[in-house]
PDB file of all heavy atoms in Angstrom:
ATOM      1  N   ASP A   1      60.214  66.366  80.563  1.00  0.00           N
ATOM      2  CA  ASP A   1      58.765  66.524  80.438  1.00  0.00           C
ATOM      3  C   ASP A   1      58.401  67.803  79.681  1.00  0.00           C
ATOM      4  O   ASP A   1      57.532  67.787  78.792  1.00  0.00           O
ATOM      5  CB  ASP A   1      58.114  66.560  81.823  1.00  0.00           C
ATOM      6  CG  ASP A   1      58.150  65.213  82.522  1.00  0.00           C
ATOM      7  OD1 ASP A   1      58.407  64.206  81.839  1.00  0.00           O
ATOM      8  OD2 ASP A   1      57.943  65.175  83.746  1.00  0.00           O
ATOM      9  N   LEU A   2      59.056  68.906  80.017  1.00  0.00           N
ATOM     10  CA  LEU A   2      58.724  70.186  79.394  1.00  0.00           C
ATOM     11  C   LEU A   2      59.088  70.201  77.911  1.00  0.00           C
ATOM     12  O   LEU A   2      58.349  70.765  77.087  1.00  0.00           O
ATOM     13  CB  LEU A   2      59.441  71.319  80.132  1.00  0.00           C
ATOM     14  CG  LEU A   2      58.949  71.592  81.558  1.00  0.00           C
ATOM     15  CD1 LEU A   2      59.857  72.602  82.247  1.00  0.00           C
ATOM     16  CD2 LEU A   2      57.519  72.099  81.543  1.00  0.00           C
ATOM     17  N   THR A   3      60.207  69.614  77.584  1.00  0.00           N
ATOM     18  CA  THR A   3      60.610  69.550  76.182  1.00  0.00           C
ATOM     19  C   THR A   3      59.631  68.704  75.375  1.00  0.00           C
ATOM     20  O   THR A   3      59.225  69.073  74.262  1.00  0.00           O
ATOM     21  CB  THR A   3      62.030  68.979  76.060  1.00  0.00           C
ATOM     22  OG1 THR A   3      62.944  69.824  76.757  1.00  0.00           O
ATOM     23  CG2 THR A   3      62.453  68.887  74.601  1.00  0.00           C
ATOM     24  N   ALA A   4      59.233  67.571  75.952  1.00  0.00           N
ATOM     25  CA  ALA A   4      58.308  66.677  75.253  1.00  0.00           C
ATOM     26  C   ALA A   4      56.923  67.305  75.099  1.00  0.00           C
ATOM     27  O   ALA A   4      56.283  67.176  74.047  1.00  0.00           O
ATOM     28  CB  ALA A   4      58.206  65.353  76.003  1.00  0.00           C
ATOM     29  N   GLN A   5      56.453  67.975  76.126  1.00  0.00           N
ATOM     30  CA  GLN A   5      55.101  68.526  76.110  1.00  0.00           C
ATOM     31  C   GLN A   5      54.985  69.816  75.302  1.00  0.00           C
ATOM     32  O   GLN A   5      53.966  70.056  74.649  1.00  0.00           O
ATOM     33  CB  GLN A   5      54.632  68.797  77.545  1.00  0.00           C
ATOM     34  CG  GLN A   5      54.412  67.561  78.387  1.00  0.00           C
ATOM     35  CD  GLN A   5      54.008  67.909  79.803  1.00  0.00           C
ATOM     36  OE1 GLN A   5      53.391  68.947  80.066  1.00  0.00           O
ATOM     37  NE2 GLN A   5      54.364  67.056  80.752  1.00  0.00           N
ATOM     38  N   HIS A   6      56.014  70.641  75.340  1.00  0.00           N
ATOM     39  CA  HIS A   6      55.881  71.992  74.792  1.00  0.00           C
ATOM     40  C   HIS A   6      56.901  72.340  73.718  1.00  0.00           C
ATOM     41  O   HIS A   6      56.854  73.444  73.160  1.00  0.00           O
ATOM     42  CB  HIS A   6      55.954  73.018  75.927  1.00  0.00           C
ATOM     43  CG  HIS A   6      54.942  72.777  77.012  1.00  0.00           C
ATOM     44  ND1 HIS A   6      53.593  72.948  76.819  1.00  0.00           N
ATOM     45  CD2 HIS A   6      55.088  72.344  78.299  1.00  0.00           C
ATOM     46  CE1 HIS A   6      52.944  72.658  77.941  1.00  0.00           C
ATOM     47  NE2 HIS A   6      53.829  72.292  78.853  1.00  0.00           N
ATOM     48  N   GLY A   7      57.841  71.441  73.451  1.00  0.00           N
ATOM     49  CA  GLY A   7      58.795  71.677  72.383  1.00  0.00           C
ATOM     50  C   GLY A   7      59.742  72.831  72.627  1.00  0.00           C
ATOM     51  O   GLY A   7      60.242  73.448  71.682  1.00  0.00           O
ATOM     52  N   ILE A   8      60.018  73.137  73.898  1.00  0.00           N
ATOM     53  CA  ILE A   8      60.905  74.252  74.224  1.00  0.00           C
ATOM     54  C   ILE A   8      62.306  73.736  74.513  1.00  0.00           C
ATOM     55  O   ILE A   8      62.519  72.540  74.704  1.00  0.00           O
ATOM     56  CB  ILE A   8      60.387  75.047  75.437  1.00  0.00           C
ATOM     57  CG1 ILE A   8      60.360  74.140  76.678  1.00  0.00           C
ATOM     58  CG2 ILE A   8      59.009  75.636  75.154  1.00  0.00           C
ATOM     59  CD1 ILE A   8      60.115  74.883  77.979  1.00  0.00           C
ATOM     60  N   ASP A   9      63.267  74.642  74.561  1.00  0.00           N
ATOM     61  CA  ASP A   9      64.624  74.312  74.992  1.00  0.00           C
ATOM     62  C   ASP A   9      64.721  74.525  76.500  1.00  0.00           C
ATOM     63  O   ASP A   9      64.205  75.517  77.036  1.00  0.00           O
ATOM     64  CB  ASP A   9      65.652  75.191  74.283  1.00  0.00           C
ATOM     65  CG  ASP A   9      65.725  74.910  72.796  1.00  0.00           C
ATOM     66  OD1 ASP A   9      65.505  73.743  72.408  1.00  0.00           O
ATOM     67  OD2 ASP A   9      65.976  75.843  72.019  1.00  0.00           O
ATOM     68  N   VAL A  10      65.391  73.622  77.179  1.00  0.00           N
ATOM     69  CA  VAL A  10      65.539  73.713  78.630  1.00  0.00           C
ATOM     70  C   VAL A  10      66.986  73.469  79.009  1.00  0.00           C
ATOM     71  O   VAL A  10      67.587  72.475  78.598  1.00  0.00           O
ATOM     72  CB  VAL A  10      64.642  72.700  79.363  1.00  0.00           C
ATOM     73  CG1 VAL A  10      64.820  72.832  80.876  1.00  0.00           C
ATOM     74  CG2 VAL A  10      63.177  72.884  78.979  1.00  0.00           C
ATOM     75  N   GLU A  11      67.544  74.378  79.776  1.00  0.00           N
ATOM     76  CA  GLU A  11      68.879  74.221  80.339  1.00  0.00           C
ATOM     77  C   GLU A  11      68.742  73.952  81.830  1.00  0.00           C
ATOM     78  O   GLU A  11      67.958  74.616  82.526  1.00  0.00           O
ATOM     79  CB  GLU A  11      69.717  75.486  80.120  1.00  0.00           C
ATOM     80  CG  GLU A  11      69.975  75.837  78.670  1.00  0.00           C
ATOM     81  CD  GLU A  11      70.992  74.923  78.021  1.00  0.00           C
ATOM     82  OE1 GLU A  11      71.763  74.280  78.778  1.00  0.00           O
ATOM     83  OE2 GLU A  11      71.014  74.841  76.786  1.00  0.00           O
ATOM     84  N   VAL A  12      69.469  72.989  82.342  1.00  0.00           N
ATOM     85  CA  VAL A  12      69.427  72.618  83.755  1.00  0.00           C
ATOM     86  C   VAL A  12      70.706  73.077  84.437  1.00  0.00           C
ATOM     87  O   VAL A  12      71.811  72.811  83.945  1.00  0.00           O
ATOM     88  CB  VAL A  12      69.267  71.093  83.907  1.00  0.00           C
ATOM     89  CG1 VAL A  12      69.551  70.650  85.330  1.00  0.00           C
ATOM     90  CG2 VAL A  12      67.858  70.667  83.485  1.00  0.00           C
ATOM     91  N   VAL A  13      70.549  73.766  85.563  1.00  0.00           N
ATOM     92  CA  VAL A  13      71.706  74.241  86.328  1.00  0.00           C
ATOM     93  C   VAL A  13      71.555  73.780  87.776  1.00  0.00           C
ATOM     94  O   VAL A  13      70.708  74.288  88.519  1.00  0.00           O
ATOM     95  CB  VAL A  13      71.834  75.774  86.284  1.00  0.00           C
ATOM     96  CG1 VAL A  13      73.072  76.217  87.078  1.00  0.00           C
ATOM     97  CG2 VAL A  13      71.906  76.274  84.856  1.00  0.00           C
ATOM     98  N   ARG A  14      72.350  72.814  88.161  1.00  0.00           N
ATOM     99  CA  ARG A  14      72.355  72.374  89.554  1.00  0.00           C
ATOM    100  C   ARG A  14      73.214  73.355  90.353  1.00  0.00           C
ATOM    101  O   ARG A  14      74.412  73.492  90.116  1.00  0.00           O
ATOM    102  CB  ARG A  14      72.928  70.963  89.670  1.00  0.00           C
ATOM    103  CG  ARG A  14      72.942  70.417  91.087  1.00  0.00           C
ATOM    104  CD  ARG A  14      73.540  69.019  91.131  1.00  0.00           C
ATOM    105  NE  ARG A  14      73.550  68.478  92.480  1.00  0.00           N
ATOM    106  CZ  ARG A  14      74.516  68.708  93.380  1.00  0.00           C
ATOM    107  NH1 ARG A  14      75.556  69.461  93.036  1.00  0.00           N
ATOM    108  NH2 ARG A  14      74.448  68.190  94.591  1.00  0.00           N
ATOM    109  N   LEU A  15      72.581  74.036  91.295  1.00  0.00           N
ATOM    110  CA  LEU A  15      73.282  75.128  91.966  1.00  0.00           C
ATOM    111  C   LEU A  15      72.693  75.354  93.357  1.00  0.00           C
ATOM    112  O   LEU A  15      71.470  75.381  93.526  1.00  0.00           O
ATOM    113  CB  LEU A  15      73.145  76.408  91.131  1.00  0.00           C
ATOM    114  CG  LEU A  15      73.945  77.630  91.557  1.00  0.00           C
ATOM    115  CD1 LEU A  15      75.441  77.360  91.479  1.00  0.00           C
ATOM    116  CD2 LEU A  15      73.587  78.822  90.662  1.00  0.00           C
ATOM    117  N   ASP A  16      73.548  75.540  94.337  1.00  0.00           N
ATOM    118  CA  ASP A  16      73.139  75.888  95.689  1.00  0.00           C
ATOM    119  C   ASP A  16      73.296  77.399  95.843  1.00  0.00           C
ATOM    120  O   ASP A  16      74.410  77.928  95.870  1.00  0.00           O
ATOM    121  CB  ASP A  16      74.006  75.158  96.716  1.00  0.00           C
ATOM    122  CG  ASP A  16      73.523  75.362  98.143  1.00  0.00           C
ATOM    123  OD1 ASP A  16      72.692  76.264  98.378  1.00  0.00           O
ATOM    124  OD2 ASP A  16      73.979  74.617  99.038  1.00  0.00           O
ATOM    125  N   LEU A  17      72.174  78.098  95.929  1.00  0.00           N
ATOM    126  CA  LEU A  17      72.202  79.557  95.991  1.00  0.00           C
ATOM    127  C   LEU A  17      72.694  80.096  97.327  1.00  0.00           C
ATOM    128  O   LEU A  17      72.849  81.301  97.479  1.00  0.00           O
ATOM    129  CB  LEU A  17      70.813  80.122  95.670  1.00  0.00           C
ATOM    130  CG  LEU A  17      70.382  79.954  94.221  1.00  0.00           C
ATOM    131  CD1 LEU A  17      68.926  80.365  94.043  1.00  0.00           C
ATOM    132  CD2 LEU A  17      71.276  80.766  93.291  1.00  0.00           C
ATOM    133  N   ALA A  18      72.948  79.214  98.275  1.00  0.00           N
ATOM    134  CA  ALA A  18      73.549  79.661  99.532  1.00  0.00           C
ATOM    135  C   ALA A  18      75.033  79.961  99.365  1.00  0.00           C
ATOM    136  O   ALA A  18      75.630  80.659 100.188  1.00  0.00           O
ATOM    137  CB  ALA A  18      73.352  78.614 100.619  1.00  0.00           C
ATOM    138  N   LEU A  19      75.640  79.452  98.295  1.00  0.00           N
ATOM    139  CA  LEU A  19      77.068  79.655  98.064  1.00  0.00           C
ATOM    140  C   LEU A  19      77.341  81.069  97.570  1.00  0.00           C
ATOM    141  O   LEU A  19      76.591  81.618  96.759  1.00  0.00           O
ATOM    142  CB  LEU A  19      77.590  78.645  97.039  1.00  0.00           C
ATOM    143  CG  LEU A  19      77.448  77.168  97.415  1.00  0.00           C
ATOM    144  CD1 LEU A  19      77.922  76.288  96.276  1.00  0.00           C
ATOM    145  CD2 LEU A  19      78.216  76.864  98.700  1.00  0.00           C
ATOM    146  N   GLU A  20      78.433  81.643  98.025  1.00  0.00           N
ATOM    147  CA  GLU A  20      78.779  83.009  97.643  1.00  0.00           C
ATOM    148  C   GLU A  20      79.030  83.134  96.146  1.00  0.00           C
ATOM    149  O   GLU A  20      78.794  84.181  95.544  1.00  0.00           O
ATOM    150  CB  GLU A  20      80.023  83.456  98.418  1.00  0.00           C
ATOM    151  CG  GLU A  20      80.373  84.922  98.233  1.00  0.00           C
ATOM    152  CD  GLU A  20      81.495  85.370  99.149  1.00  0.00           C
ATOM    153  OE1 GLU A  20      81.816  84.631 100.103  1.00  0.00           O
ATOM    154  OE2 GLU A  20      82.046  86.467  98.913  1.00  0.00           O
ATOM    155  N   SER A  21      79.468  82.047  95.529  1.00  0.00           N
ATOM    156  CA  SER A  21      79.796  82.077  94.100  1.00  0.00           C
ATOM    157  C   SER A  21      78.594  81.792  93.199  1.00  0.00           C
ATOM    158  O   SER A  21      78.729  81.787  91.972  1.00  0.00           O
ATOM    159  CB  SER A  21      80.877  81.026  93.816  1.00  0.00           C
ATOM    160  OG  SER A  21      80.408  79.722  94.161  1.00  0.00           O
ATOM    161  N   ALA A  22      77.424  81.566  93.778  1.00  0.00           N
ATOM    162  CA  ALA A  22      76.271  81.096  92.997  1.00  0.00           C
ATOM    163  C   ALA A  22      75.846  82.081  91.920  1.00  0.00           C
ATOM    164  O   ALA A  22      75.573  81.688  90.774  1.00  0.00           O
ATOM    165  CB  ALA A  22      75.107  80.799  93.928  1.00  0.00           C
ATOM    166  N   VAL A  23      75.762  83.350  92.250  1.00  0.00           N
ATOM    167  CA  VAL A  23      75.306  84.352  91.283  1.00  0.00           C
ATOM    168  C   VAL A  23      76.275  84.430  90.102  1.00  0.00           C
ATOM    169  O   VAL A  23      75.863  84.465  88.933  1.00  0.00           O
ATOM    170  CB  VAL A  23      75.142  85.730  91.950  1.00  0.00           C
ATOM    171  CG1 VAL A  23      74.848  86.803  90.906  1.00  0.00           C
ATOM    172  CG2 VAL A  23      74.022  85.689  92.985  1.00  0.00           C
ATOM    173  N   GLU A  24      77.558  84.446  90.399  1.00  0.00           N
ATOM    174  CA  GLU A  24      78.569  84.493  89.344  1.00  0.00           C
ATOM    175  C   GLU A  24      78.477  83.256  88.445  1.00  0.00           C
ATOM    176  O   GLU A  24      78.604  83.355  87.221  1.00  0.00           O
ATOM    177  CB  GLU A  24      79.961  84.592  89.969  1.00  0.00           C
ATOM    178  CG  GLU A  24      81.088  84.721  88.947  1.00  0.00           C
ATOM    179  CD  GLU A  24      82.449  84.849  89.598  1.00  0.00           C
ATOM    180  OE1 GLU A  24      82.508  85.032  90.833  1.00  0.00           O
ATOM    181  OE2 GLU A  24      83.469  84.747  88.877  1.00  0.00           O
ATOM    182  N   THR A  25      78.245  82.107  89.053  1.00  0.00           N
ATOM    183  CA  THR A  25      78.117  80.865  88.288  1.00  0.00           C
ATOM    184  C   THR A  25      76.931  80.924  87.340  1.00  0.00           C
ATOM    185  O   THR A  25      77.043  80.573  86.157  1.00  0.00           O
ATOM    186  CB  THR A  25      77.961  79.668  89.239  1.00  0.00           C
ATOM    187  OG1 THR A  25      79.126  79.549  90.056  1.00  0.00           O
ATOM    188  CG2 THR A  25      77.757  78.372  88.454  1.00  0.00           C
ATOM    189  N   LEU A  26      75.783  81.356  87.840  1.00  0.00           N
ATOM    190  CA  LEU A  26      74.588  81.424  87.002  1.00  0.00           C
ATOM    191  C   LEU A  26      74.729  82.490  85.923  1.00  0.00           C
ATOM    192  O   LEU A  26      74.286  82.306  84.778  1.00  0.00           O
ATOM    193  CB  LEU A  26      73.360  81.698  87.863  1.00  0.00           C
ATOM    194  CG  LEU A  26      72.009  81.636  87.145  1.00  0.00           C
ATOM    195  CD1 LEU A  26      71.826  80.306  86.438  1.00  0.00           C
ATOM    196  CD2 LEU A  26      70.873  81.886  88.137  1.00  0.00           C
ATOM    197  N   ALA A  27      75.373  83.586  86.252  1.00  0.00           N
ATOM    198  CA  ALA A  27      75.599  84.636  85.253  1.00  0.00           C
ATOM    199  C   ALA A  27      76.448  84.114  84.104  1.00  0.00           C
ATOM    200  O   ALA A  27      76.154  84.367  82.925  1.00  0.00           O
ATOM    201  CB  ALA A  27      76.278  85.835  85.915  1.00  0.00           C
ATOM    202  N   ALA A  28      77.497  83.363  84.426  1.00  0.00           N
ATOM    203  CA  ALA A  28      78.369  82.809  83.385  1.00  0.00           C
ATOM    204  C   ALA A  28      77.643  81.760  82.555  1.00  0.00           C
ATOM    205  O   ALA A  28      77.792  81.703  81.319  1.00  0.00           O
ATOM    206  CB  ALA A  28      79.613  82.208  84.027  1.00  0.00           C
ATOM    207  N   THR A  29      76.821  80.954  83.197  1.00  0.00           N
ATOM    208  CA  THR A  29      76.096  79.882  82.507  1.00  0.00           C
ATOM    209  C   THR A  29      75.101  80.432  81.497  1.00  0.00           C
ATOM    210  O   THR A  29      74.862  79.829  80.446  1.00  0.00           O
ATOM    211  CB  THR A  29      75.365  78.999  83.536  1.00  0.00           C
ATOM    212  OG1 THR A  29      76.319  78.472  84.465  1.00  0.00           O
ATOM    213  CG2 THR A  29      74.641  77.856  82.853  1.00  0.00           C
ATOM    214  N   THR A  30      74.505  81.570  81.807  1.00  0.00           N
ATOM    215  CA  THR A  30      73.449  82.138  80.952  1.00  0.00           C
ATOM    216  C   THR A  30      73.938  83.280  80.065  1.00  0.00           C
ATOM    217  O   THR A  30      73.135  83.936  79.414  1.00  0.00           O
ATOM    218  CB  THR A  30      72.288  82.658  81.820  1.00  0.00           C
ATOM    219  OG1 THR A  30      72.778  83.700  82.695  1.00  0.00           O
ATOM    220  CG2 THR A  30      71.685  81.539  82.653  1.00  0.00           C
ATOM    221  N   ARG A  31      75.249  83.496  80.016  1.00  0.00           N
ATOM    222  CA  ARG A  31      75.807  84.651  79.317  1.00  0.00           C
ATOM    223  C   ARG A  31      75.365  84.720  77.854  1.00  0.00           C
ATOM    224  O   ARG A  31      75.088  85.806  77.324  1.00  0.00           O
ATOM    225  CB  ARG A  31      77.333  84.625  79.407  1.00  0.00           C
ATOM    226  CG  ARG A  31      78.005  85.827  78.725  1.00  0.00           C
ATOM    227  CD  ARG A  31      79.514  85.766  78.888  1.00  0.00           C
ATOM    228  NE  ARG A  31      79.907  85.886  80.278  1.00  0.00           N
ATOM    229  CZ  ARG A  31      80.568  84.974  80.962  1.00  0.00           C
ATOM    230  NH1 ARG A  31      80.901  83.826  80.375  1.00  0.00           N
ATOM    231  NH2 ARG A  31      80.900  85.168  82.220  1.00  0.00           N
ATOM    232  N   ASP A  32      75.293  83.583  77.188  1.00  0.00           N
ATOM    233  CA  ASP A  32      75.009  83.574  75.750  1.00  0.00           C
ATOM    234  C   ASP A  32      73.531  83.368  75.420  1.00  0.00           C
ATOM    235  O   ASP A  32      73.170  83.226  74.247  1.00  0.00           O
ATOM    236  CB  ASP A  32      75.832  82.478  75.070  1.00  0.00           C
ATOM    237  CG  ASP A  32      77.332  82.731  75.188  1.00  0.00           C
ATOM    238  OD1 ASP A  32      77.724  83.913  75.201  1.00  0.00           O
ATOM    239  OD2 ASP A  32      78.090  81.749  75.282  1.00  0.00           O
ATOM    240  N   LEU A  33      72.675  83.362  76.435  1.00  0.00           N
ATOM    241  CA  LEU A  33      71.242  83.203  76.213  1.00  0.00           C
ATOM    242  C   LEU A  33      70.534  84.551  76.312  1.00  0.00           C
ATOM    243  O   LEU A  33      70.913  85.397  77.119  1.00  0.00           O
ATOM    244  CB  LEU A  33      70.644  82.239  77.245  1.00  0.00           C
ATOM    245  CG  LEU A  33      71.196  80.807  77.250  1.00  0.00           C
ATOM    246  CD1 LEU A  33      70.566  80.006  78.385  1.00  0.00           C
ATOM    247  CD2 LEU A  33      70.952  80.133  75.909  1.00  0.00           C
ATOM    248  N   ASP A  34      69.498  84.731  75.510  1.00  0.00           N
ATOM    249  CA  ASP A  34      68.746  85.990  75.517  1.00  0.00           C
ATOM    250  C   ASP A  34      67.704  85.953  76.636  1.00  0.00           C
ATOM    251  O   ASP A  34      66.502  85.858  76.388  1.00  0.00           O
ATOM    252  CB  ASP A  34      68.077  86.211  74.162  1.00  0.00           C
ATOM    253  CG  ASP A  34      67.379  87.568  74.076  1.00  0.00           C
ATOM    254  OD1 ASP A  34      67.787  88.497  74.799  1.00  0.00           O
ATOM    255  OD2 ASP A  34      66.406  87.678  73.296  1.00  0.00           O
TER     256      ASP A  34
END
């Protein structure tokens, strides 16, 4: 919906933030994004 309506790029990350590894996972996923 957001891409169609606003022409932006969207990355989806399915993640349970209760997990101890969650922060590390999200950090690695977004490493190359500004």
